[in-house]
Amino acid sequence: THTREKSILKYNQHSVRCTWVLIALCTVVFVWQMWNASWRFAPIQQNMMFGPATVDLISQGAQMSPCIIESHQWWRIFSSQFLHGGVLHIGFNMYGLWALAGPMEMEFGWLRMFVIYLVSGTSSALSTALLLPNAVGLGASGAICGLVGAEWAELLMNSKLYGSGFCQRFCQLFAPTLLLFLLSLAPGVNFFAPFSGMVCGPLLGLALGVR
């Protein structure tokens, strides 16, 4: 038993590599964003997240429907998922990614977690492009909400296995879900991105979740 516990602990320590790769990738990209903007922060009235100006974000690959449709820059749907609007934006998202993606990677495996992350982020980008065509969209919020939605699906699929711990797990998921919903209602925040991720996530969780 002791050997088995050590094996499980060793596995858990090395089973969140994909999560750390995603965090490192988003961080490196944000450093590049600031370098590309000559380390200039936009006025707080223009960017409340303490980051580059809007024109810089667009040139760096943020999502904007006219650029995607008229200029055929479809790659923006994917590049925008790894860009962030400022220090507060990336700080909050990377904390959410670390707190949610790590445990899911240990449960679901890195490939399933990554598929849920990428598909949820892409769904959020597409919904923003359709419903807010003039908005500048970027960030990992939609993908992170997809991870939360997938965890809800896992809880429902395996509700009987949780037993007396079901209520505790429910509260653990309810708190971040409520926080993400409230943050999505804040001024200047794209509501459709997290909402789309929260809808897409449970569907992916039901299809890819571990029973």
Protein backbone atom coordinates (compact mmCIF):
# COMPACT_ATOMS: atom_id res chain seq x y z
CA THR A 1 0.00 0.00 0.00
CA HIS A 2 2.80 2.40 0.87
CA THR A 3 4.50 1.71 -2.47
CA ARG A 4 1.21 2.29 -4.31
CA GLU A 5 0.68 5.63 -2.53
CA LYS A 6 4.21 6.70 -3.49
CA SER A 7 3.52 5.74 -7.10
CA ILE A 8 0.28 7.75 -7.14
CA LEU A 9 2.03 10.76 -5.61
CA LYS A 10 4.83 10.55 -8.18
CA TYR A 11 2.27 10.28 -10.98
CA ASN A 12 0.35 13.31 -9.73
CA GLN A 13 3.50 15.41 -9.53
CA HIS A 14 4.25 14.77 -13.20
CA SER A 15 0.73 14.64 -14.60
CA VAL A 16 0.07 18.36 -14.98
CA ARG A 17 2.74 19.13 -17.54
CA CYS A 18 0.22 20.22 -20.16
CA THR A 19 -1.25 22.71 -17.67
CA TRP A 20 2.16 24.23 -17.01
CA VAL A 21 2.90 24.35 -20.75
CA LEU A 22 -0.33 26.32 -21.32
CA ILE A 23 0.49 28.72 -18.47
CA ALA A 24 4.05 29.19 -19.74
CA LEU A 25 2.82 29.73 -23.30
CA CYS A 26 0.29 32.41 -22.31
CA THR A 27 2.90 34.12 -20.10
CA VAL A 28 5.55 34.17 -22.82
CA VAL A 29 3.01 35.49 -25.32
CA PHE A 30 2.02 38.30 -22.94
CA VAL A 31 5.67 39.28 -22.46
CA TRP A 32 5.94 39.39 -26.25
CA GLN A 33 2.80 41.55 -26.38
CA MET A 34 4.31 44.10 -24.04
CA TRP A 35 7.62 44.03 -25.92
CA ASN A 36 5.74 44.49 -29.20
CA ALA A 37 3.95 47.49 -27.66
CA SER A 38 7.33 48.92 -26.52
CA TRP A 39 6.30 48.28 -22.91
CA ARG A 40 3.75 51.07 -23.10
CA PHE A 41 0.60 50.75 -21.00
CA ALA A 42 -2.58 52.28 -22.37
CA PRO A 43 -4.42 54.89 -20.27
CA ILE A 44 -6.67 53.34 -17.65
CA GLN A 45 -9.72 54.83 -19.40
CA GLN A 46 -8.90 52.75 -22.49
CA ASN A 47 -7.64 49.55 -20.87
CA MET A 48 -8.68 48.80 -17.29
CA MET A 49 -6.54 45.64 -17.28
CA PHE A 50 -3.21 47.55 -17.33
CA GLY A 51 -2.06 46.46 -20.74
CA PRO A 52 -1.37 47.61 -24.32
CA ALA A 53 -3.58 49.92 -26.34
CA THR A 54 -6.43 48.45 -28.38
CA VAL A 55 -4.65 49.12 -31.68
CA ASP A 56 -1.67 47.10 -30.41
CA LEU A 57 -3.91 44.22 -29.33
CA ILE A 58 -5.48 44.07 -32.80
CA SER A 59 -2.10 44.11 -34.55
CA GLN A 60 -0.88 41.35 -32.23
CA GLY A 61 -3.63 38.94 -33.28
CA ALA A 62 -6.71 39.70 -31.18
CA GLN A 63 -10.05 38.60 -32.55
CA MET A 64 -12.11 41.09 -34.55
CA SER A 65 -14.77 40.02 -37.03
CA PRO A 66 -13.87 42.46 -39.87
CA CYS A 67 -10.28 41.19 -39.80
CA ILE A 68 -11.46 37.58 -39.81
CA ILE A 69 -14.15 37.86 -42.49
CA GLU A 70 -12.97 40.65 -44.78
CA SER A 71 -9.23 40.00 -44.53
CA HIS A 72 -9.59 36.22 -44.18
CA GLN A 73 -7.43 36.17 -41.05
CA TRP A 74 -9.06 33.06 -39.57
CA TRP A 75 -6.01 32.34 -37.47
CA ARG A 76 -7.18 35.09 -35.10
CA ILE A 77 -9.82 32.70 -33.74
CA PHE A 78 -6.99 30.60 -32.29
CA SER A 79 -4.31 33.22 -31.60
CA SER A 80 -6.73 35.34 -29.56
CA GLN A 81 -7.07 32.49 -27.02
CA PHE A 82 -3.44 32.93 -25.97
CA LEU A 83 -3.40 36.75 -25.88
CA HIS A 84 -4.40 38.84 -22.87
CA GLY A 85 -5.43 42.43 -22.41
CA GLY A 86 -3.26 43.30 -19.43
CA VAL A 87 -1.56 42.31 -16.21
CA LEU A 88 -4.83 41.82 -14.30
CA HIS A 89 -6.33 39.84 -17.16
CA ILE A 90 -3.52 37.33 -17.47
CA GLY A 91 -3.01 37.13 -13.70
CA PHE A 92 -6.61 36.13 -13.03
CA ASN A 93 -6.79 33.73 -15.98
CA MET A 94 -3.53 31.96 -15.18
CA TYR A 95 -4.60 31.45 -11.59
CA GLY A 96 -7.89 29.98 -12.82
CA LEU A 97 -6.06 27.79 -15.31
CA TRP A 98 -3.70 26.46 -12.63
CA ALA A 99 -6.55 25.82 -10.17
CA LEU A 100 -8.85 24.09 -12.68
CA ALA A 101 -6.75 22.54 -15.44
CA GLY A 102 -4.29 20.80 -13.10
CA PRO A 103 -6.85 18.66 -11.25
CA MET A 104 -8.70 17.97 -14.49
CA GLU A 105 -5.50 16.85 -16.21
CA MET A 106 -4.93 14.35 -13.38
CA GLU A 107 -8.52 13.10 -13.70
CA PHE A 108 -9.10 13.18 -17.45
CA GLY A 109 -5.55 12.93 -18.80
CA TRP A 110 -3.68 15.69 -20.62
CA LEU A 111 -5.18 15.01 -24.06
CA ARG A 112 -8.83 15.15 -22.96
CA MET A 113 -8.17 18.23 -20.86
CA PHE A 114 -6.42 19.97 -23.77
CA VAL A 115 -9.25 19.11 -26.19
CA ILE A 116 -11.82 20.55 -23.76
CA TYR A 117 -9.67 23.66 -23.29
CA LEU A 118 -9.09 24.28 -27.01
CA VAL A 119 -12.60 23.47 -28.24
CA SER A 120 -14.22 25.59 -25.51
CA GLY A 121 -11.90 28.49 -26.33
CA THR A 122 -12.66 28.17 -30.03
CA SER A 123 -16.39 28.05 -29.35
CA SER A 124 -16.12 31.22 -27.29
CA ALA A 125 -14.15 32.98 -30.02
CA LEU A 126 -16.69 32.01 -32.69
CA SER A 127 -19.66 33.12 -30.57
CA THR A 128 -17.99 36.48 -29.96
CA ALA A 129 -17.27 36.91 -33.66
CA LEU A 130 -20.93 36.26 -34.49
CA LEU A 131 -22.65 38.10 -31.66
CA LEU A 132 -20.21 40.98 -31.08
CA PRO A 133 -18.73 41.59 -34.54
CA ASN A 134 -17.12 44.93 -33.63
CA ALA A 135 -15.62 43.80 -30.34
CA VAL A 136 -11.94 43.07 -29.79
CA GLY A 137 -11.83 39.62 -28.21
CA LEU A 138 -8.92 37.88 -26.53
CA GLY A 139 -8.05 35.80 -23.49
CA ALA A 140 -8.39 32.29 -22.07
CA SER A 141 -11.61 33.00 -20.14
CA GLY A 142 -13.84 31.00 -22.47
CA ALA A 143 -11.52 27.98 -22.35
CA ILE A 144 -11.33 28.15 -18.55
CA CYS A 145 -15.12 28.32 -18.29
CA GLY A 146 -15.21 25.23 -20.50
CA LEU A 147 -13.07 23.41 -17.92
CA VAL A 148 -15.51 24.41 -15.18
CA GLY A 149 -18.43 23.18 -17.26
CA ALA A 150 -16.69 19.85 -17.88
CA GLU A 151 -16.17 19.44 -14.12
CA TRP A 152 -19.92 19.92 -13.62
CA ALA A 153 -20.55 17.15 -16.15
CA GLU A 154 -18.11 14.88 -14.31
CA LEU A 155 -19.89 15.55 -11.02
CA LEU A 156 -23.25 14.62 -12.51
CA MET A 157 -21.92 11.50 -14.24
CA ASN A 158 -20.29 10.19 -11.08
CA SER A 159 -22.68 11.62 -8.48
CA LYS A 160 -23.27 8.24 -6.81
CA LEU A 161 -19.55 7.69 -6.32
CA TYR A 162 -19.14 10.91 -4.35
CA GLY A 163 -21.54 9.79 -1.65
CA SER A 164 -21.46 12.19 1.31
CA GLY A 165 -18.82 14.27 -0.46
CA PHE A 166 -21.25 15.32 -3.20
CA CYS A 167 -22.31 18.52 -1.39
CA GLN A 168 -18.72 19.51 -0.75
CA ARG A 169 -17.78 19.02 -4.39
CA PHE A 170 -20.90 20.91 -5.46
CA CYS A 171 -19.85 23.91 -3.35
CA GLN A 172 -16.30 23.71 -4.72
CA LEU A 173 -17.64 24.08 -8.24
CA PHE A 174 -20.44 26.52 -7.42
CA ALA A 175 -18.07 29.17 -6.01
CA PRO A 176 -15.87 29.59 -9.13
CA THR A 177 -18.91 29.30 -11.41
CA LEU A 178 -20.65 32.14 -9.58
CA LEU A 179 -17.46 34.24 -9.58
CA LEU A 180 -16.94 33.76 -13.32
CA PHE A 181 -20.58 34.66 -13.98
CA LEU A 182 -20.33 37.87 -11.94
CA LEU A 183 -17.07 38.86 -13.59
CA SER A 184 -18.61 38.32 -17.02
CA LEU A 185 -21.17 41.02 -16.16
CA ALA A 186 -18.49 43.63 -15.38
CA PRO A 187 -18.20 46.66 -17.73
CA GLY A 188 -15.93 46.04 -20.69
CA VAL A 189 -16.01 42.24 -20.29
CA ASN A 190 -17.25 40.05 -23.12
CA PHE A 191 -20.17 38.12 -21.63
CA PHE A 192 -20.59 35.74 -24.58
CA ALA A 193 -17.10 34.22 -24.28
CA PRO A 194 -17.48 32.74 -20.77
CA PHE A 195 -21.15 31.90 -21.41
CA SER A 196 -20.26 29.96 -24.57
CA GLY A 197 -17.46 28.15 -22.74
CA MET A 198 -19.80 27.23 -19.90
CA VAL A 199 -22.28 25.77 -22.41
CA CYS A 200 -19.68 23.93 -24.48
CA GLY A 201 -17.77 22.56 -21.47
CA PRO A 202 -20.50 20.28 -20.06
CA LEU A 203 -21.16 18.79 -23.50
CA LEU A 204 -17.48 17.99 -23.90
CA GLY A 205 -17.34 16.72 -20.33
CA LEU A 206 -20.18 14.28 -21.01
CA ALA A 207 -18.42 13.07 -24.15
CA LEU A 208 -14.85 12.90 -22.82
CA GLY A 209 -15.26 12.68 -19.04
CA VAL A 210 -14.04 9.72 -17.03
CA ARG A 211 -16.89 7.59 -15.70
